Amino acid sequence: MLALYIALTALTALLMAAGSWMGYTHHPIPVAAAAKVGVPHSWMFPIATCLGAAALGLLTGFVLPPVGVAASAGLILYFIGAVIAHLRVGDHALSQPLAFLALSAATCTATVLYRYA
């Protein structure tokens, strides 16, 4: 269980850090995705900050487990919002937000099971 917990947490933190960097640098992928679902360009910085905070929270969770649980739970809510945003505009290309939602849920589950079960 330890290996799964470490692998999922590290992978999720790495992907969220990459997403944060892409948001801060206005990479075309998140900019296009945001425009597709009607998210204003001015929201890119706050969204990137949320993803960066989640990455740091996940890594902090190795030392302070409640912080890791809170970070992964926050990511679950974030990606539920992303799925809703896609559905709201009639975009049914949900593979990316659903994959990140599943990864966030798996990370949260592994953290809780390893640390508290």
C-alpha atoms as a PDB file:
ATOM      1  CA  MET A   1       0.000   0.000   0.000  1.00  0.00           C
ATOM      2  CA  LEU A   2       2.913   2.329   0.710  1.00  0.00           C
ATOM      3  CA  ALA A   3       4.200   2.048  -2.863  1.00  0.00           C
ATOM      4  CA  LEU A   4       0.748   2.783  -4.310  1.00  0.00           C
ATOM      5  CA  TYR A   5       0.293   5.774  -2.003  1.00  0.00           C
ATOM      6  CA  ILE A   6       3.693   7.222  -2.913  1.00  0.00           C
ATOM      7  CA  ALA A   7       3.295   6.557  -6.650  1.00  0.00           C
ATOM      8  CA  LEU A   8      -0.199   8.053  -6.913  1.00  0.00           C
ATOM      9  CA  THR A   9       0.658  11.073  -4.799  1.00  0.00           C
ATOM     10  CA  ALA A  10       3.883  11.780  -6.682  1.00  0.00           C
ATOM     11  CA  LEU A  11       2.214  11.350 -10.087  1.00  0.00           C
ATOM     12  CA  THR A  12      -0.713  13.581  -9.159  1.00  0.00           C
ATOM     13  CA  ALA A  13       1.595  16.244  -7.704  1.00  0.00           C
ATOM     14  CA  LEU A  14       3.776  16.156 -10.821  1.00  0.00           C
ATOM     15  CA  LEU A  15       0.797  16.506 -13.159  1.00  0.00           C
ATOM     16  CA  MET A  16      -0.727  19.340 -11.118  1.00  0.00           C
ATOM     17  CA  ALA A  17       2.629  21.154 -11.035  1.00  0.00           C
ATOM     18  CA  ALA A  18       2.865  20.767 -14.816  1.00  0.00           C
ATOM     19  CA  GLY A  19      -0.694  22.064 -15.191  1.00  0.00           C
ATOM     20  CA  SER A  20       0.156  25.003 -12.968  1.00  0.00           C
ATOM     21  CA  TRP A  21       3.236  25.818 -15.030  1.00  0.00           C
ATOM     22  CA  MET A  22       1.198  25.564 -18.242  1.00  0.00           C
ATOM     23  CA  GLY A  23      -1.369  27.961 -16.812  1.00  0.00           C
ATOM     24  CA  TYR A  24       1.229  30.477 -15.656  1.00  0.00           C
ATOM     25  CA  THR A  25       2.982  30.449 -19.036  1.00  0.00           C
ATOM     26  CA  HIS A  26      -0.327  30.617 -20.953  1.00  0.00           C
ATOM     27  CA  HIS A  27       0.460  27.428 -22.831  1.00  0.00           C
ATOM     28  CA  PRO A  28      -1.967  26.919 -25.751  1.00  0.00           C
ATOM     29  CA  ILE A  29      -3.461  23.689 -24.357  1.00  0.00           C
ATOM     30  CA  PRO A  30      -5.065  25.072 -21.161  1.00  0.00           C
ATOM     31  CA  VAL A  31      -5.833  28.402 -22.850  1.00  0.00           C
ATOM     32  CA  ALA A  32      -7.776  26.613 -25.605  1.00  0.00           C
ATOM     33  CA  ALA A  33      -9.529  24.340 -23.110  1.00  0.00           C
ATOM     34  CA  ALA A  34     -10.554  27.309 -20.978  1.00  0.00           C
ATOM     35  CA  ALA A  35     -11.840  29.217 -24.003  1.00  0.00           C
ATOM     36  CA  LYS A  36     -13.780  26.148 -25.131  1.00  0.00           C
ATOM     37  CA  VAL A  37     -15.764  26.035 -21.888  1.00  0.00           C
ATOM     38  CA  GLY A  38     -16.123  29.806 -21.530  1.00  0.00           C
ATOM     39  CA  VAL A  39     -13.600  30.430 -18.753  1.00  0.00           C
ATOM     40  CA  PRO A  40     -12.266  34.002 -19.026  1.00  0.00           C
ATOM     41  CA  HIS A  41      -8.566  34.393 -19.812  1.00  0.00           C
ATOM     42  CA  SER A  42      -8.192  36.432 -16.616  1.00  0.00           C
ATOM     43  CA  TRP A  43      -8.918  33.276 -14.590  1.00  0.00           C
ATOM     44  CA  MET A  44      -5.817  31.455 -15.860  1.00  0.00           C
ATOM     45  CA  PHE A  45      -3.584  32.813 -13.083  1.00  0.00           C
ATOM     46  CA  PRO A  46      -5.957  31.864 -10.210  1.00  0.00           C
ATOM     47  CA  ILE A  47      -6.560  28.420 -11.733  1.00  0.00           C
ATOM     48  CA  ALA A  48      -2.813  27.857 -12.116  1.00  0.00           C
ATOM     49  CA  THR A  49      -2.348  28.956  -8.512  1.00  0.00           C
ATOM     50  CA  CYS A  50      -4.941  26.422  -7.334  1.00  0.00           C
ATOM     51  CA  LEU A  51      -3.193  23.629  -9.214  1.00  0.00           C
ATOM     52  CA  GLY A  52       0.186  24.679  -7.820  1.00  0.00           C
ATOM     53  CA  ALA A  53      -1.215  24.811  -4.290  1.00  0.00           C
ATOM     54  CA  ALA A  54      -2.666  21.331  -4.766  1.00  0.00           C
ATOM     55  CA  ALA A  55       0.720  19.999  -5.896  1.00  0.00           C
ATOM     56  CA  LEU A  56       2.420  21.512  -2.855  1.00  0.00           C
ATOM     57  CA  GLY A  57      -0.354  20.236  -0.593  1.00  0.00           C
ATOM     58  CA  LEU A  58       0.010  16.705  -1.911  1.00  0.00           C
ATOM     59  CA  LEU A  59       3.754  16.756  -1.283  1.00  0.00           C
ATOM     60  CA  THR A  60       3.249  18.284   2.165  1.00  0.00           C
ATOM     61  CA  GLY A  61       0.892  15.382   2.856  1.00  0.00           C
ATOM     62  CA  PHE A  62       3.889  13.063   3.058  1.00  0.00           C
ATOM     63  CA  VAL A  63       4.768  14.846   6.320  1.00  0.00           C
ATOM     64  CA  LEU A  64       1.351  16.166   7.404  1.00  0.00           C
ATOM     65  CA  PRO A  65      -1.258  13.648   6.186  1.00  0.00           C
ATOM     66  CA  PRO A  66      -4.344  15.863   6.738  1.00  0.00           C
ATOM     67  CA  VAL A  67      -2.891  18.416   4.311  1.00  0.00           C
ATOM     68  CA  GLY A  68      -2.512  15.715   1.649  1.00  0.00           C
ATOM     69  CA  VAL A  69      -6.085  14.548   2.169  1.00  0.00           C
ATOM     70  CA  ALA A  70      -7.348  18.134   1.934  1.00  0.00           C
ATOM     71  CA  ALA A  71      -5.335  18.748  -1.247  1.00  0.00           C
ATOM     72  CA  SER A  72      -6.608  15.605  -2.954  1.00  0.00           C
ATOM     73  CA  ALA A  73     -10.184  16.314  -1.837  1.00  0.00           C
ATOM     74  CA  GLY A  74      -9.843  19.828  -3.241  1.00  0.00           C
ATOM     75  CA  LEU A  75      -8.681  18.374  -6.551  1.00  0.00           C
ATOM     76  CA  ILE A  76     -11.719  16.099  -6.633  1.00  0.00           C
ATOM     77  CA  LEU A  77     -13.974  19.144  -6.272  1.00  0.00           C
ATOM     78  CA  TYR A  78     -11.936  21.073  -8.847  1.00  0.00           C
ATOM     79  CA  PHE A  79     -12.274  18.338 -11.463  1.00  0.00           C
ATOM     80  CA  ILE A  80     -15.974  17.808 -10.721  1.00  0.00           C
ATOM     81  CA  GLY A  81     -16.296  21.513 -11.528  1.00  0.00           C
ATOM     82  CA  ALA A  82     -14.300  20.991 -14.726  1.00  0.00           C
ATOM     83  CA  VAL A  83     -16.618  18.182 -15.828  1.00  0.00           C
ATOM     84  CA  ILE A  84     -19.648  20.355 -15.081  1.00  0.00           C
ATOM     85  CA  ALA A  85     -18.105  23.257 -17.034  1.00  0.00           C
ATOM     86  CA  HIS A  86     -17.617  21.008 -20.071  1.00  0.00           C
ATOM     87  CA  LEU A  87     -21.150  19.617 -19.873  1.00  0.00           C
ATOM     88  CA  ARG A  88     -22.627  23.091 -19.371  1.00  0.00           C
ATOM     89  CA  VAL A  89     -21.426  24.204 -22.807  1.00  0.00           C
ATOM     90  CA  GLY A  90     -22.311  20.911 -24.495  1.00  0.00           C
ATOM     91  CA  ASP A  91     -18.719  19.703 -24.803  1.00  0.00           C
ATOM     92  CA  HIS A  92     -18.680  15.931 -24.411  1.00  0.00           C
ATOM     93  CA  ALA A  93     -14.902  15.537 -24.717  1.00  0.00           C
ATOM     94  CA  LEU A  94     -14.601  14.565 -21.075  1.00  0.00           C
ATOM     95  CA  SER A  95     -11.699  12.130 -21.192  1.00  0.00           C
ATOM     96  CA  GLN A  96      -9.134  14.554 -19.779  1.00  0.00           C
ATOM     97  CA  PRO A  97     -11.124  15.980 -16.839  1.00  0.00           C
ATOM     98  CA  LEU A  98     -12.517  12.529 -15.998  1.00  0.00           C
ATOM     99  CA  ALA A  99      -9.028  11.003 -16.046  1.00  0.00           C
ATOM    100  CA  PHE A 100      -7.755  13.689 -13.673  1.00  0.00           C
ATOM    101  CA  LEU A 101     -10.857  13.259 -11.508  1.00  0.00           C
ATOM    102  CA  ALA A 102     -10.206   9.513 -11.289  1.00  0.00           C
ATOM    103  CA  LEU A 103      -6.533  10.096 -10.488  1.00  0.00           C
ATOM    104  CA  SER A 104      -7.444  12.598  -7.763  1.00  0.00           C
ATOM    105  CA  ALA A 105     -10.000  10.205  -6.276  1.00  0.00           C
ATOM    106  CA  ALA A 106      -7.494   7.343  -6.344  1.00  0.00           C
ATOM    107  CA  THR A 107      -4.885   9.536  -4.655  1.00  0.00           C
ATOM    108  CA  CYS A 108      -7.331  10.587  -1.949  1.00  0.00           C
ATOM    109  CA  THR A 109      -8.429   6.992  -1.395  1.00  0.00           C
ATOM    110  CA  ALA A 110      -4.861   5.686  -1.207  1.00  0.00           C
ATOM    111  CA  THR A 111      -3.897   8.462   1.208  1.00  0.00           C
ATOM    112  CA  VAL A 112      -6.815   7.774   3.527  1.00  0.00           C
ATOM    113  CA  LEU A 113      -6.353   4.000   3.415  1.00  0.00           C
ATOM    114  CA  TYR A 114      -2.615   4.153   3.997  1.00  0.00           C
ATOM    115  CA  ARG A 115      -2.641   6.843   6.673  1.00  0.00           C
ATOM    116  CA  TYR A 116      -5.879   6.176   8.541  1.00  0.00           C
ATOM    117  CA  ALA A 117      -6.980   2.566   7.981  1.00  0.00           C
END
